[in-house]
Amino acid sequence: MELLNIFSKKKTKIIFCPKCKSTDIKKEITIFTAFGAPSLWKCNNCDFKGHLFPEAKINRMKEIQKKFSKKEK
């Protein structure tokens, strides 16, 4: 029963791009990852790549994106 509860929990956090705040992120697998190097993440929106992408609660994501769009104007 406990195993079922682990799989039924909803994802509460989401990774987003630190540059454009998009949530369209993909993990790139490299040969270095096989040797223990940190994962490389790529934003499919602005092509930003990095090893550390911030994480936020899903319910705060719209607020973060709204603040970012105000700064751009």
PDB file of N, CA and C in Angstrom:
ATOM      1  N   MET A   1       0.821  -1.197   0.000  1.00  0.00           N
ATOM      2  CA  MET A   1       0.000   0.000   0.000  1.00  0.00           C
ATOM      3  C   MET A   1       0.864   1.259   0.000  1.00  0.00           C
ATOM      4  N   GLU A   2       1.974   1.248   0.737  1.00  0.00           N
ATOM      5  CA  GLU A   2       2.860   2.409   0.782  1.00  0.00           C
ATOM      6  C   GLU A   2       3.475   2.681  -0.589  1.00  0.00           C
ATOM      7  N   LEU A   3       3.827   1.627  -1.310  1.00  0.00           N
ATOM      8  CA  LEU A   3       4.384   1.777  -2.647  1.00  0.00           C
ATOM      9  C   LEU A   3       3.392   2.466  -3.581  1.00  0.00           C
ATOM     10  N   LEU A   4       2.138   2.137  -3.452  1.00  0.00           N
ATOM     11  CA  LEU A   4       1.100   2.764  -4.259  1.00  0.00           C
ATOM     12  C   LEU A   4       1.014   4.266  -3.965  1.00  0.00           C
ATOM     13  N   ASN A   5       1.141   4.658  -2.709  1.00  0.00           N
ATOM     14  CA  ASN A   5       1.092   6.066  -2.327  1.00  0.00           C
ATOM     15  C   ASN A   5       2.253   6.853  -2.914  1.00  0.00           C
ATOM     16  N   ILE A   6       3.418   6.249  -3.018  1.00  0.00           N
ATOM     17  CA  ILE A   6       4.584   6.918  -3.592  1.00  0.00           C
ATOM     18  C   ILE A   6       4.319   7.267  -5.052  1.00  0.00           C
ATOM     19  N   PHE A   7       3.758   6.337  -5.808  1.00  0.00           N
ATOM     20  CA  PHE A   7       3.517   6.570  -7.230  1.00  0.00           C
ATOM     21  C   PHE A   7       2.304   7.456  -7.489  1.00  0.00           C
ATOM     22  N   SER A   8       1.403   7.552  -6.553  1.00  0.00           N
ATOM     23  CA  SER A   8       0.204   8.348  -6.784  1.00  0.00           C
ATOM     24  C   SER A   8       0.380   9.823  -6.417  1.00  0.00           C
ATOM     25  N   LYS A   9       1.501  10.183  -5.759  1.00  0.00           N
ATOM     26  CA  LYS A   9       1.742  11.578  -5.402  1.00  0.00           C
ATOM     27  C   LYS A   9       1.989  12.399  -6.663  1.00  0.00           C
ATOM     28  N   LYS A  10       1.374  13.579  -6.709  1.00  0.00           N
ATOM     29  CA  LYS A  10       1.529  14.446  -7.869  1.00  0.00           C
ATOM     30  C   LYS A  10       2.837  15.223  -7.761  1.00  0.00           C
ATOM     31  N   LYS A  11       3.394  15.548  -8.905  1.00  0.00           N
ATOM     32  CA  LYS A  11       4.595  16.356  -8.951  1.00  0.00           C
ATOM     33  C   LYS A  11       4.235  17.775  -8.501  1.00  0.00           C
ATOM     34  N   THR A  12       4.960  18.305  -7.542  1.00  0.00           N
ATOM     35  CA  THR A  12       4.625  19.621  -7.015  1.00  0.00           C
ATOM     36  C   THR A  12       5.615  20.699  -7.427  1.00  0.00           C
ATOM     37  N   LYS A  13       6.753  20.307  -7.993  1.00  0.00           N
ATOM     38  CA  LYS A  13       7.758  21.279  -8.409  1.00  0.00           C
ATOM     39  C   LYS A  13       8.066  21.100  -9.894  1.00  0.00           C
ATOM     40  N   ILE A  14       8.517  22.193 -10.501  1.00  0.00           N
ATOM     41  CA  ILE A  14       8.825  22.160 -11.917  1.00  0.00           C
ATOM     42  C   ILE A  14      10.120  22.933 -12.167  1.00  0.00           C
ATOM     43  N   ILE A  15      10.908  22.460 -13.106  1.00  0.00           N
ATOM     44  CA  ILE A  15      12.165  23.116 -13.476  1.00  0.00           C
ATOM     45  C   ILE A  15      11.861  24.137 -14.560  1.00  0.00           C
ATOM     46  N   PHE A  16      12.533  25.294 -14.481  1.00  0.00           N
ATOM     47  CA  PHE A  16      12.330  26.313 -15.508  1.00  0.00           C
ATOM     48  C   PHE A  16      13.655  26.965 -15.880  1.00  0.00           C
ATOM     49  N   CYS A  17      13.668  27.597 -17.037  1.00  0.00           N
ATOM     50  CA  CYS A  17      14.870  28.238 -17.561  1.00  0.00           C
ATOM     51  C   CYS A  17      15.166  29.513 -16.770  1.00  0.00           C
ATOM     52  N   PRO A  18      16.412  29.697 -16.320  1.00  0.00           N
ATOM     53  CA  PRO A  18      16.745  30.910 -15.581  1.00  0.00           C
ATOM     54  C   PRO A  18      16.806  32.156 -16.475  1.00  0.00           C
ATOM     55  N   LYS A  19      16.905  31.955 -17.775  1.00  0.00           N
ATOM     56  CA  LYS A  19      17.022  33.083 -18.701  1.00  0.00           C
ATOM     57  C   LYS A  19      15.656  33.602 -19.156  1.00  0.00           C
ATOM     58  N   CYS A  20      14.796  32.715 -19.651  1.00  0.00           N
ATOM     59  CA  CYS A  20      13.507  33.147 -20.211  1.00  0.00           C
ATOM     60  C   CYS A  20      12.304  32.690 -19.401  1.00  0.00           C
ATOM     61  N   LYS A  21      12.527  31.894 -18.357  1.00  0.00           N
ATOM     62  CA  LYS A  21      11.487  31.378 -17.450  1.00  0.00           C
ATOM     63  C   LYS A  21      10.538  30.381 -18.103  1.00  0.00           C
ATOM     64  N   SER A  22      10.921  29.820 -19.228  1.00  0.00           N
ATOM     65  CA  SER A  22      10.111  28.808 -19.896  1.00  0.00           C
ATOM     66  C   SER A  22      10.204  27.489 -19.142  1.00  0.00           C
ATOM     67  N   THR A  23       9.158  26.699 -19.206  1.00  0.00           N
ATOM     68  CA  THR A  23       9.175  25.374 -18.592  1.00  0.00           C
ATOM     69  C   THR A  23       9.408  24.276 -19.630  1.00  0.00           C
ATOM     70  N   ASP A  24       9.705  24.667 -20.857  1.00  0.00           N
ATOM     71  CA  ASP A  24       9.987  23.721 -21.937  1.00  0.00           C
ATOM     72  C   ASP A  24      11.468  23.343 -21.870  1.00  0.00           C
ATOM     73  N   ILE A  25      11.804  22.464 -20.938  1.00  0.00           N
ATOM     74  CA  ILE A  25      13.174  22.078 -20.624  1.00  0.00           C
ATOM     75  C   ILE A  25      13.388  20.602 -20.952  1.00  0.00           C
ATOM     76  N   LYS A  26      14.592  20.297 -21.432  1.00  0.00           N
ATOM     77  CA  LYS A  26      14.924  18.905 -21.739  1.00  0.00           C
ATOM     78  C   LYS A  26      16.300  18.583 -21.163  1.00  0.00           C
ATOM     79  N   LYS A  27      16.429  17.395 -20.614  1.00  0.00           N
ATOM     80  CA  LYS A  27      17.726  16.936 -20.108  1.00  0.00           C
ATOM     81  C   LYS A  27      18.514  16.354 -21.272  1.00  0.00           C
ATOM     82  N   GLU A  28      19.722  16.879 -21.475  1.00  0.00           N
ATOM     83  CA  GLU A  28      20.584  16.349 -22.531  1.00  0.00           C
ATOM     84  C   GLU A  28      21.529  15.316 -21.932  1.00  0.00           C
ATOM     85  N   ILE A  29      21.601  14.186 -22.565  1.00  0.00           N
ATOM     86  CA  ILE A  29      22.471  13.115 -22.110  1.00  0.00           C
ATOM     87  C   ILE A  29      23.786  13.221 -22.880  1.00  0.00           C
ATOM     88  N   THR A  30      24.887  13.284 -22.130  1.00  0.00           N
ATOM     89  CA  THR A  30      26.207  13.348 -22.752  1.00  0.00           C
ATOM     90  C   THR A  30      27.045  12.178 -22.240  1.00  0.00           C
ATOM     91  N   ILE A  31      28.174  11.976 -22.847  1.00  0.00           N
ATOM     92  CA  ILE A  31      29.069  10.906 -22.404  1.00  0.00           C
ATOM     93  C   ILE A  31      29.580  11.186 -20.995  1.00  0.00           C
ATOM     94  N   PHE A  32      29.689  12.467 -20.648  1.00  0.00           N
ATOM     95  CA  PHE A  32      30.179  12.828 -19.323  1.00  0.00           C
ATOM     96  C   PHE A  32      29.185  12.460 -18.227  1.00  0.00           C
ATOM     97  N   THR A  33      27.897  12.443 -18.556  1.00  0.00           N
ATOM     98  CA  THR A  33      26.868  12.064 -17.592  1.00  0.00           C
ATOM     99  C   THR A  33      27.076  10.619 -17.137  1.00  0.00           C
ATOM    100  N   ALA A  34      27.537   9.779 -18.044  1.00  0.00           N
ATOM    101  CA  ALA A  34      27.777   8.374 -17.714  1.00  0.00           C
ATOM    102  C   ALA A  34      28.898   8.226 -16.681  1.00  0.00           C
ATOM    103  N   PHE A  35      29.797   9.206 -16.628  1.00  0.00           N
ATOM    104  CA  PHE A  35      30.909   9.154 -15.684  1.00  0.00           C
ATOM    105  C   PHE A  35      30.643   9.955 -14.418  1.00  0.00           C
ATOM    106  N   GLY A  36      29.377  10.358 -14.206  1.00  0.00           N
ATOM    107  CA  GLY A  36      29.011  11.017 -12.968  1.00  0.00           C
ATOM    108  C   GLY A  36      28.947  12.528 -13.016  1.00  0.00           C
ATOM    109  N   ALA A  37      29.170  13.115 -14.178  1.00  0.00           N
ATOM    110  CA  ALA A  37      29.058  14.576 -14.288  1.00  0.00           C
ATOM    111  C   ALA A  37      27.600  14.988 -14.126  1.00  0.00           C
ATOM    112  N   PRO A  38      27.360  16.213 -13.670  1.00  0.00           N
ATOM    113  CA  PRO A  38      25.973  16.666 -13.521  1.00  0.00           C
ATOM    114  C   PRO A  38      25.242  16.690 -14.863  1.00  0.00           C
ATOM    115  N   SER A  39      23.947  16.513 -14.805  1.00  0.00           N
ATOM    116  CA  SER A  39      23.131  16.534 -16.021  1.00  0.00           C
ATOM    117  C   SER A  39      23.170  17.917 -16.664  1.00  0.00           C
ATOM    118  N   LEU A  40      23.110  17.942 -17.977  1.00  0.00           N
ATOM    119  CA  LEU A  40      23.061  19.194 -18.721  1.00  0.00           C
ATOM    120  C   LEU A  40      21.617  19.403 -19.168  1.00  0.00           C
ATOM    121  N   TRP A  41      21.051  20.568 -18.820  1.00  0.00           N
ATOM    122  CA  TRP A  41      19.679  20.890 -19.178  1.00  0.00           C
ATOM    123  C   TRP A  41      19.690  21.893 -20.318  1.00  0.00           C
ATOM    124  N   LYS A  42      18.701  21.809 -21.204  1.00  0.00           N
ATOM    125  CA  LYS A  42      18.595  22.740 -22.325  1.00  0.00           C
ATOM    126  C   LYS A  42      17.169  23.273 -22.398  1.00  0.00           C
ATOM    127  N   CYS A  43      17.055  24.585 -22.553  1.00  0.00           N
ATOM    128  CA  CYS A  43      15.756  25.218 -22.739  1.00  0.00           C
ATOM    129  C   CYS A  43      15.419  25.153 -24.225  1.00  0.00           C
ATOM    130  N   ASN A  44      14.280  24.595 -24.555  1.00  0.00           N
ATOM    131  CA  ASN A  44      13.875  24.495 -25.954  1.00  0.00           C
ATOM    132  C   ASN A  44      13.322  25.811 -26.487  1.00  0.00           C
ATOM    133  N   ASN A  45      13.096  26.779 -25.605  1.00  0.00           N
ATOM    134  CA  ASN A  45      12.563  28.070 -26.012  1.00  0.00           C
ATOM    135  C   ASN A  45      13.680  29.031 -26.446  1.00  0.00           C
ATOM    136  N   CYS A  46      14.741  29.167 -25.621  1.00  0.00           N
ATOM    137  CA  CYS A  46      15.807  30.132 -25.927  1.00  0.00           C
ATOM    138  C   CYS A  46      17.162  29.469 -26.146  1.00  0.00           C
ATOM    139  N   ASP A  47      17.243  28.151 -26.101  1.00  0.00           N
ATOM    140  CA  ASP A  47      18.468  27.366 -26.310  1.00  0.00           C
ATOM    141  C   ASP A  47      19.524  27.554 -25.223  1.00  0.00           C
ATOM    142  N   PHE A  48      19.145  28.093 -24.071  1.00  0.00           N
ATOM    143  CA  PHE A  48      20.075  28.226 -22.951  1.00  0.00           C
ATOM    144  C   PHE A  48      20.412  26.835 -22.431  1.00  0.00           C
ATOM    145  N   LYS A  49      21.705  26.602 -22.139  1.00  0.00           N
ATOM    146  CA  LYS A  49      22.146  25.321 -21.587  1.00  0.00           C
ATOM    147  C   LYS A  49      22.862  25.565 -20.270  1.00  0.00           C
ATOM    148  N   GLY A  50      22.681  24.649 -19.337  1.00  0.00           N
ATOM    149  CA  GLY A  50      23.367  24.757 -18.060  1.00  0.00           C
ATOM    150  C   GLY A  50      23.149  23.527 -17.211  1.00  0.00           C
ATOM    151  N   HIS A  51      23.950  23.437 -16.158  1.00  0.00           N
ATOM    152  CA  HIS A  51      23.845  22.290 -15.262  1.00  0.00           C
ATOM    153  C   HIS A  51      22.862  22.537 -14.132  1.00  0.00           C
ATOM    154  N   LEU A  52      22.642  23.793 -13.794  1.00  0.00           N
ATOM    155  CA  LEU A  52      21.741  24.124 -12.699  1.00  0.00           C
ATOM    156  C   LEU A  52      20.592  24.981 -13.206  1.00  0.00           C
ATOM    157  N   PHE A  53      19.399  24.437 -13.158  1.00  0.00           N
ATOM    158  CA  PHE A  53      18.194  25.179 -13.519  1.00  0.00           C
ATOM    159  C   PHE A  53      17.349  25.297 -12.259  1.00  0.00           C
ATOM    160  N   PRO A  54      16.771  26.463 -12.013  1.00  0.00           N
ATOM    161  CA  PRO A  54      15.969  26.620 -10.792  1.00  0.00           C
ATOM    162  C   PRO A  54      14.698  25.776 -10.821  1.00  0.00           C
ATOM    163  N   GLU A  55      14.162  25.583  -9.642  1.00  0.00           N
ATOM    164  CA  GLU A  55      12.965  24.770  -9.462  1.00  0.00           C
ATOM    165  C   GLU A  55      11.963  25.595  -8.655  1.00  0.00           C
ATOM    166  N   ALA A  56      10.699  25.513  -9.002  1.00  0.00           N
ATOM    167  CA  ALA A  56       9.662  26.256  -8.277  1.00  0.00           C
ATOM    168  C   ALA A  56       8.427  25.377  -8.136  1.00  0.00           C
ATOM    169  N   LYS A  57       7.618  25.714  -7.148  1.00  0.00           N
ATOM    170  CA  LYS A  57       6.351  25.015  -7.007  1.00  0.00           C
ATOM    171  C   LYS A  57       5.465  25.370  -8.195  1.00  0.00           C
ATOM    172  N   ILE A  58       4.710  24.401  -8.656  1.00  0.00           N
ATOM    173  CA  ILE A  58       3.870  24.582  -9.834  1.00  0.00           C
ATOM    174  C   ILE A  58       2.910  25.753  -9.659  1.00  0.00           C
ATOM    175  N   ASN A  59       2.337  25.908  -8.476  1.00  0.00           N
ATOM    176  CA  ASN A  59       1.361  26.976  -8.282  1.00  0.00           C
ATOM    177  C   ASN A  59       2.000  28.373  -8.281  1.00  0.00           C
ATOM    178  N   ARG A  60       3.315  28.492  -8.175  1.00  0.00           N
ATOM    179  CA  ARG A  60       3.998  29.793  -8.226  1.00  0.00           C
ATOM    180  C   ARG A  60       4.564  30.099  -9.602  1.00  0.00           C
ATOM    181  N   MET A  61       4.539  29.150 -10.515  1.00  0.00           N
ATOM    182  CA  MET A  61       5.177  29.329 -11.814  1.00  0.00           C
ATOM    183  C   MET A  61       4.561  30.476 -12.605  1.00  0.00           C
ATOM    184  N   LYS A  62       3.252  30.605 -12.632  1.00  0.00           N
ATOM    185  CA  LYS A  62       2.596  31.686 -13.373  1.00  0.00           C
ATOM    186  C   LYS A  62       3.005  33.043 -12.807  1.00  0.00           C
ATOM    187  N   GLU A  63       3.133  33.125 -11.493  1.00  0.00           N
ATOM    188  CA  GLU A  63       3.553  34.365 -10.836  1.00  0.00           C
ATOM    189  C   GLU A  63       4.984  34.746 -11.257  1.00  0.00           C
ATOM    190  N   ILE A  64       5.874  33.776 -11.309  1.00  0.00           N
ATOM    191  CA  ILE A  64       7.258  34.008 -11.721  1.00  0.00           C
ATOM    192  C   ILE A  64       7.310  34.475 -13.176  1.00  0.00           C
ATOM    193  N   GLN A  65       6.561  33.810 -14.049  1.00  0.00           N
ATOM    194  CA  GLN A  65       6.554  34.187 -15.460  1.00  0.00           C
ATOM    195  C   GLN A  65       5.947  35.569 -15.670  1.00  0.00           C
ATOM    196  N   LYS A  66       4.936  35.915 -14.885  1.00  0.00           N
ATOM    197  CA  LYS A  66       4.300  37.230 -15.000  1.00  0.00           C
ATOM    198  C   LYS A  66       5.284  38.338 -14.595  1.00  0.00           C
ATOM    199  N   LYS A  67       6.035  38.123 -13.511  1.00  0.00           N
ATOM    200  CA  LYS A  67       7.034  39.099 -13.075  1.00  0.00           C
ATOM    201  C   LYS A  67       8.110  39.283 -14.139  1.00  0.00           C
ATOM    202  N   PHE A  68       8.519  38.201 -14.765  1.00  0.00           N
ATOM    203  CA  PHE A  68       9.547  38.270 -15.794  1.00  0.00           C
ATOM    204  C   PHE A  68       9.045  39.044 -17.016  1.00  0.00           C
ATOM    205  N   SER A  69       7.815  38.811 -17.429  1.00  0.00           N
ATOM    206  CA  SER A  69       7.285  39.495 -18.610  1.00  0.00           C
ATOM    207  C   SER A  69       7.126  40.991 -18.348  1.00  0.00           C
ATOM    208  N   LYS A  70       6.861  41.408 -17.109  1.00  0.00           N
ATOM    209  CA  LYS A  70       6.778  42.825 -16.768  1.00  0.00           C
ATOM    210  C   LYS A  70       8.145  43.489 -16.879  1.00  0.00           C
ATOM    211  N   LYS A  71       9.210  42.785 -16.487  1.00  0.00           N
ATOM    212  CA  LYS A  71      10.572  43.326 -16.553  1.00  0.00           C
ATOM    213  C   LYS A  71      11.032  43.534 -17.986  1.00  0.00           C
ATOM    214  N   GLU A  72      10.576  42.687 -18.912  1.00  0.00           N
ATOM    215  CA  GLU A  72      10.988  42.778 -20.312  1.00  0.00           C
ATOM    216  C   GLU A  72      10.414  44.006 -21.002  1.00  0.00           C
ATOM    217  N   LYS A  73       9.244  44.456 -20.578  1.00  0.00           N
ATOM    218  CA  LYS A  73       8.550  45.568 -21.254  1.00  0.00           C
ATOM    219  C   LYS A  73       9.200  46.888 -21.026  1.00  0.00           C
TER     220      LYS A  73
END
